[in-house]
Amino acid sequence: MSVMPTNVLFTQNQWQINTAVVCVAATDNNTGTWIVTVQTPFHPVSHIWPDHPADRGDLIYQTKHYSVADCVVGAIEIATQQLYIASDIPVKRDTEGWVFVVAHYIALPLVIAVGAEVTLVVDKGYQQGLSRGHSGGHLSSLALNKVLHSDFWRKDPTRRDELGYYDFHSYAQEKSLVSENCSTDHYRLGKTLRKRGLNSAEMIADIDQITVKINQQLALWIALATPIVMRREGDALTDSRYWQCDLGLEGVIEIPCGGTHATSLAEYQALTVKFEIISDQELVMITTAIVA
């Protein structure tokens, strides 16, 4: 069977495939098995920016249920048919002679033939919790940029976000983590950011008022109850995907993103942030979704 990039269904509200065709089944030191199928509803964790955890769920083969212990991005060298997993991938996406795939890990040796059909079932509730957390993180980062724009920059940095505000989020973000109904962003307020014009000391001093303004903005956006759309340029794992949402007076915005997401702002009863000040150069923003 020729190997192609995995077709992914996690942006299309599909949580189960009954006839997923196996194209690779590779044992891992006789302790587990990596399985790649032509299609999957599972979202894999990225080895490049692992902010969005892997989906949970089951693989069913010949009526037996196997827990998917992990789900990651893999890459297959076409010439050798060798599967590389996550951090072992030696090439970049779209390198000629390689295809990128979703690899499902079963934590035991599993004999399964290429061409066999399996059923893949995602834990829908867990995925939807992650989706609300991820979309909430996009919204809170936009609100944070907007609140900081006028009062906390003494220079005009070149980078702006999708709403046209100075992009503090992308300048300062060191890492992020999506969890169920939550998104956590770590920011570094270092020398480089201050040189770009951020008044970081004033920002830390005024963080309580900043928090109030962000939460007010989030409440206004949530009240719109508009749809969230994932625009796809194709069905393959490596095809670009974009998060779209109509934010009323702010207009329809689009953010490149490969994760799973809420389908509407109406899914939220509320969306709020709080900050933890780690030091005068380190700040954490925690975004929490309350489900409607």
Protein backbone atom coordinates (compact mmCIF):
# COMPACT_ATOMS: atom_id res chain seq x y z
CA MET A 1 0.00 0.00 0.00
CA SER A 2 1.35 3.42 -0.94
CA VAL A 3 1.70 5.73 2.04
CA MET A 4 0.10 9.17 1.91
CA PRO A 5 -0.20 11.99 4.46
CA THR A 6 -2.90 11.09 6.98
CA ASN A 7 -6.32 12.56 6.26
CA VAL A 8 -7.52 14.15 9.50
CA LEU A 9 -11.12 14.61 10.59
CA PHE A 10 -10.67 16.33 13.96
CA THR A 11 -11.79 19.71 12.58
CA GLN A 12 -15.00 18.27 11.13
CA ASN A 13 -16.83 17.11 14.27
CA GLN A 14 -16.19 13.44 13.55
CA TRP A 15 -15.20 11.35 16.54
CA GLN A 16 -15.40 7.85 15.07
CA ILE A 17 -14.28 6.05 11.89
CA ASN A 18 -15.53 2.51 11.47
CA THR A 19 -13.38 1.54 8.48
CA ALA A 20 -9.98 3.15 9.01
CA VAL A 21 -7.46 1.32 6.79
CA VAL A 22 -4.09 0.48 8.33
CA CYS A 23 -1.10 1.55 6.23
CA VAL A 24 1.67 1.07 8.83
CA ALA A 25 1.92 -1.12 11.94
CA ALA A 26 5.35 -0.88 13.56
CA THR A 27 6.34 -2.51 16.83
CA ASP A 28 8.30 -0.52 19.38
CA ASN A 29 10.89 -2.76 21.09
CA ASN A 30 8.20 -5.43 21.44
CA THR A 31 6.49 -3.33 24.10
CA GLY A 32 4.00 -1.47 21.96
CA THR A 33 2.77 -0.79 18.45
CA TRP A 34 2.56 2.38 16.37
CA ILE A 35 -0.39 2.27 13.98
CA VAL A 36 -0.93 4.65 11.09
CA THR A 37 -4.22 4.70 9.20
CA VAL A 38 -5.32 6.43 6.02
CA GLN A 39 -7.78 8.57 8.01
CA THR A 40 -8.16 9.40 11.68
CA PRO A 41 -10.38 11.47 13.98
CA PHE A 42 -7.51 11.69 16.51
CA HIS A 43 -5.59 14.91 17.02
CA PRO A 44 -1.88 14.20 17.59
CA VAL A 45 0.42 16.18 19.84
CA SER A 46 2.93 18.20 17.82
CA HIS A 47 6.65 17.59 18.25
CA ILE A 48 7.33 21.20 17.21
CA TRP A 49 4.97 23.08 19.55
CA PRO A 50 3.41 20.54 21.95
CA ASP A 51 0.87 22.89 23.51
CA HIS A 52 -2.22 20.85 22.59
CA PRO A 53 -2.28 17.33 24.12
CA ALA A 54 -3.09 14.21 22.15
CA ASP A 55 -6.65 12.98 22.00
CA ARG A 56 -7.70 9.98 24.04
CA GLY A 57 -9.78 7.07 22.81
CA ASP A 58 -9.83 3.50 21.53
CA LEU A 59 -8.79 1.45 18.54
CA ILE A 60 -11.04 -1.54 17.88
CA TYR A 61 -9.71 -4.48 15.88
CA GLN A 62 -11.53 -7.78 15.43
CA THR A 63 -14.00 -6.76 18.19
CA LYS A 64 -11.21 -6.15 20.73
CA HIS A 65 -10.79 -2.69 22.23
CA TYR A 66 -7.31 -1.23 22.65
CA SER A 67 -6.67 2.04 24.44
CA VAL A 68 -4.75 4.60 22.39
CA ALA A 69 -2.03 5.41 24.91
CA ASP A 70 -0.54 8.22 22.84
CA CYS A 71 -1.05 9.92 19.51
CA VAL A 72 1.78 11.85 17.88
CA VAL A 73 3.01 13.25 14.59
CA GLY A 74 5.11 10.81 12.62
CA ALA A 75 6.99 10.95 9.33
CA ILE A 76 7.61 8.17 6.82
CA GLU A 77 10.52 8.10 4.38
CA ILE A 78 8.87 6.83 1.21
CA ALA A 79 11.99 5.14 -0.18
CA THR A 80 12.56 2.99 2.90
CA GLN A 81 9.04 2.98 4.39
CA GLN A 82 10.71 3.78 7.73
CA LEU A 83 8.45 5.44 10.32
CA TYR A 84 9.98 8.14 12.51
CA ILE A 85 8.19 9.31 15.62
CA ALA A 86 7.94 12.86 17.04
CA SER A 87 11.35 14.22 18.06
CA ASP A 88 13.10 11.54 15.98
CA ILE A 89 11.74 13.04 12.76
CA PRO A 90 14.84 14.23 10.85
CA VAL A 91 13.16 16.45 8.24
CA LYS A 92 10.81 19.40 7.99
CA ARG A 93 7.24 19.22 6.80
CA ASP A 94 6.82 19.00 3.00
CA THR A 95 10.33 17.62 2.46
CA GLU A 96 10.36 15.75 -0.83
CA GLY A 97 10.30 11.99 -0.38
CA TRP A 98 8.59 12.12 3.00
CA VAL A 99 4.99 12.09 4.23
CA PHE A 100 3.73 13.22 7.63
CA VAL A 101 1.22 11.06 9.43
CA VAL A 102 -0.72 10.57 12.64
CA ALA A 103 0.72 7.68 14.67
CA HIS A 104 -1.50 5.98 17.26
CA TYR A 105 0.33 4.12 20.05
CA ILE A 106 -1.03 0.91 21.53
CA ALA A 107 0.95 -0.03 24.64
CA LEU A 108 1.35 -3.71 23.77
CA PRO A 109 2.54 -5.73 20.77
CA LEU A 110 -0.29 -5.98 18.27
CA VAL A 111 -0.16 -8.11 15.15
CA ILE A 112 -2.18 -6.33 12.49
CA ALA A 113 -1.77 -6.48 8.74
CA VAL A 114 -1.38 -3.54 6.40
CA GLY A 115 -4.72 -3.09 4.67
CA ALA A 116 -6.73 -4.29 7.66
CA GLU A 117 -9.64 -2.17 8.81
CA VAL A 118 -9.97 -0.85 12.35
CA THR A 119 -12.42 1.39 14.16
CA LEU A 120 -11.05 4.54 15.75
CA VAL A 121 -13.10 6.20 18.51
CA VAL A 122 -12.09 9.50 20.10
CA ASP A 123 -13.10 10.46 23.64
CA LYS A 124 -15.47 13.19 22.49
CA GLY A 125 -15.89 14.90 25.86
CA TYR A 126 -12.15 15.15 26.46
CA GLN A 127 -11.51 16.50 22.96
CA GLN A 128 -14.24 19.10 23.34
CA GLY A 129 -12.77 20.23 26.66
CA LEU A 130 -9.40 20.74 25.00
CA SER A 131 -11.10 22.50 22.11
CA ARG A 132 -12.78 25.02 24.40
CA GLY A 133 -9.48 25.57 26.19
CA HIS A 134 -7.62 26.18 22.93
CA SER A 135 -10.17 28.61 21.47
CA GLY A 136 -10.30 30.38 24.83
CA GLY A 137 -6.54 30.87 24.66
CA HIS A 138 -6.82 32.54 21.26
CA LEU A 139 -9.50 34.90 22.56
CA SER A 140 -7.65 35.83 25.76
CA SER A 141 -4.39 36.53 23.93
CA LEU A 142 -6.23 38.87 21.55
CA ALA A 143 -7.92 40.61 24.49
CA LEU A 144 -4.58 40.96 26.28
CA ASN A 145 -2.96 42.55 23.23
CA LYS A 146 -5.87 44.97 22.89
CA VAL A 147 -5.78 46.05 26.54
CA LEU A 148 -2.00 46.63 26.49
CA HIS A 149 -1.94 48.40 23.14
CA SER A 150 -2.54 52.03 24.11
CA ASP A 151 -1.09 52.37 27.60
CA PHE A 152 1.91 50.08 27.96
CA TRP A 153 4.04 50.60 24.84
CA ARG A 154 6.35 53.62 24.49
CA LYS A 155 7.40 52.60 20.97
CA ASP A 156 5.61 51.18 17.95
CA PRO A 157 6.75 47.54 17.58
CA THR A 158 6.52 46.20 14.06
CA ARG A 159 4.52 43.06 14.86
CA ARG A 160 0.74 43.36 15.18
CA ASP A 161 -1.88 40.71 15.78
CA GLU A 162 -4.88 39.80 13.63
CA LEU A 163 -6.88 42.69 15.14
CA GLY A 164 -4.14 45.21 14.43
CA TYR A 165 -2.89 45.60 18.01
CA TYR A 166 0.74 45.34 19.13
CA ASP A 167 1.36 41.63 19.45
CA PHE A 168 2.59 41.29 23.03
CA HIS A 169 1.43 37.67 23.03
CA SER A 170 3.70 36.48 20.22
CA TYR A 171 6.63 38.64 21.34
CA ALA A 172 6.56 37.48 24.96
CA GLN A 173 5.14 33.94 24.88
CA GLU A 174 7.67 31.28 25.91
CA LYS A 175 5.35 28.31 26.18
CA SER A 176 1.69 27.42 26.40
CA LEU A 177 -0.38 24.47 27.48
CA VAL A 178 -3.95 23.60 26.59
CA SER A 179 -5.94 21.50 29.05
CA GLU A 180 -9.64 20.79 29.49
CA ASN A 181 -11.47 24.14 29.47
CA CYS A 182 -8.21 25.92 30.20
CA SER A 183 -5.21 27.50 28.51
CA THR A 184 -2.02 28.54 30.29
CA ASP A 185 0.46 30.97 28.70
CA HIS A 186 3.91 31.77 30.07
CA TYR A 187 5.36 35.17 29.16
CA ARG A 188 8.91 36.47 29.47
CA LEU A 189 9.18 40.22 30.09
CA GLY A 190 12.88 40.43 29.37
CA LYS A 191 15.35 42.99 28.11
CA THR A 192 14.55 42.39 24.45
CA LEU A 193 10.86 43.12 24.97
CA ARG A 194 11.65 46.28 26.92
CA LYS A 195 13.88 47.44 24.06
CA ARG A 196 10.95 46.96 21.72
CA GLY A 197 9.05 49.45 23.87
CA LEU A 198 7.06 47.52 26.46
CA ASN A 199 6.76 49.24 29.84
CA SER A 200 6.93 45.94 31.71
CA ALA A 201 7.28 47.42 35.21
CA GLU A 202 4.11 49.46 34.72
CA MET A 203 2.37 46.41 33.30
CA ILE A 204 3.17 44.33 36.38
CA ALA A 205 2.10 47.17 38.67
CA ASP A 206 -1.26 47.51 36.88
CA ILE A 207 -1.94 43.80 36.38
CA ASP A 208 -5.14 43.82 38.46
CA GLN A 209 -6.71 46.52 36.30
CA ILE A 210 -5.45 44.83 33.15
CA THR A 211 -7.18 41.64 34.31
CA VAL A 212 -10.47 43.47 34.80
CA LYS A 213 -10.31 45.01 31.32
CA ILE A 214 -9.45 41.69 29.64
CA ASN A 215 -12.37 39.95 31.34
CA GLN A 216 -14.70 42.75 30.31
CA GLN A 217 -13.58 42.37 26.70
CA LEU A 218 -13.97 38.60 26.81
CA ALA A 219 -17.50 38.95 28.17
CA LEU A 220 -18.41 41.21 25.24
CA TRP A 221 -17.06 38.71 22.72
CA ILE A 222 -18.69 35.68 24.36
CA ALA A 223 -22.04 37.49 24.30
CA LEU A 224 -21.87 37.56 20.49
CA ALA A 225 -22.36 33.74 20.42
CA THR A 226 -20.96 33.64 16.88
CA PRO A 227 -19.70 30.45 15.19
CA ILE A 228 -16.07 29.39 15.23
CA VAL A 229 -14.98 27.93 11.91
CA MET A 230 -11.87 25.95 11.01
CA ARG A 231 -10.94 26.83 7.45
CA ARG A 232 -8.99 23.99 5.87
CA GLU A 233 -6.82 24.12 2.77
CA GLY A 234 -7.04 20.34 2.50
CA ASP A 235 -7.73 17.18 4.49
CA ALA A 236 -4.12 16.07 5.03
CA LEU A 237 -2.35 16.46 8.35
CA THR A 238 0.18 18.80 6.72
CA ASP A 239 -2.40 21.04 5.03
CA SER A 240 -2.82 24.48 6.58
CA ARG A 241 -5.75 25.15 8.90
CA TYR A 242 -7.06 28.46 10.22
CA TRP A 243 -9.20 29.44 13.20
CA GLN A 244 -11.91 31.92 12.17
CA CYS A 245 -14.36 33.86 14.32
CA ASP A 246 -16.58 36.91 13.88
CA LEU A 247 -15.83 39.27 16.77
CA GLY A 248 -18.47 41.83 15.93
CA LEU A 249 -17.01 45.34 15.68
CA GLU A 250 -13.53 43.80 15.45
CA GLY A 251 -14.57 41.93 12.31
CA VAL A 252 -13.92 38.36 11.20
CA ILE A 253 -10.44 37.27 12.23
CA GLU A 254 -8.33 34.33 11.14
CA ILE A 255 -5.42 32.73 13.01
CA PRO A 256 -3.27 29.88 11.66
CA CYS A 257 -3.76 26.92 14.00
CA GLY A 258 -3.56 23.15 13.79
CA GLY A 259 -5.46 22.30 16.96
CA THR A 260 -9.05 21.35 17.68
CA HIS A 261 -11.47 24.10 18.65
CA ALA A 262 -14.89 25.00 19.96
CA THR A 263 -17.52 25.38 17.27
CA SER A 264 -19.14 28.54 18.65
CA LEU A 265 -18.73 31.26 21.25
CA ALA A 266 -22.13 30.04 22.48
CA GLU A 267 -20.33 27.05 24.05
CA TYR A 268 -19.05 29.38 26.75
CA GLN A 269 -21.04 30.65 29.68
CA ALA A 270 -18.01 32.73 30.55
CA LEU A 271 -14.32 33.03 29.76
CA THR A 272 -12.02 34.64 32.29
CA VAL A 273 -8.32 35.17 32.91
CA LYS A 274 -6.14 35.52 35.95
CA PHE A 275 -2.41 36.23 36.20
CA GLU A 276 0.35 34.78 38.32
CA ILE A 277 3.42 36.98 38.72
CA ILE A 278 6.42 34.67 38.96
CA SER A 279 8.97 37.51 38.95
CA ASP A 280 9.42 40.96 37.49
CA GLN A 281 10.32 39.21 34.23
CA GLU A 282 7.96 36.23 34.20
CA LEU A 283 4.18 36.25 34.02
CA VAL A 284 1.62 33.48 33.60
CA MET A 285 -1.89 34.00 32.21
CA ILE A 286 -4.46 31.31 32.97
CA THR A 287 -7.61 31.34 30.85
CA THR A 288 -10.58 29.37 32.20
CA ALA A 289 -13.72 28.47 30.29
CA ILE A 290 -17.02 28.00 32.09
CA VAL A 291 -19.24 25.81 29.93
CA ALA A 292 -22.66 27.03 28.89
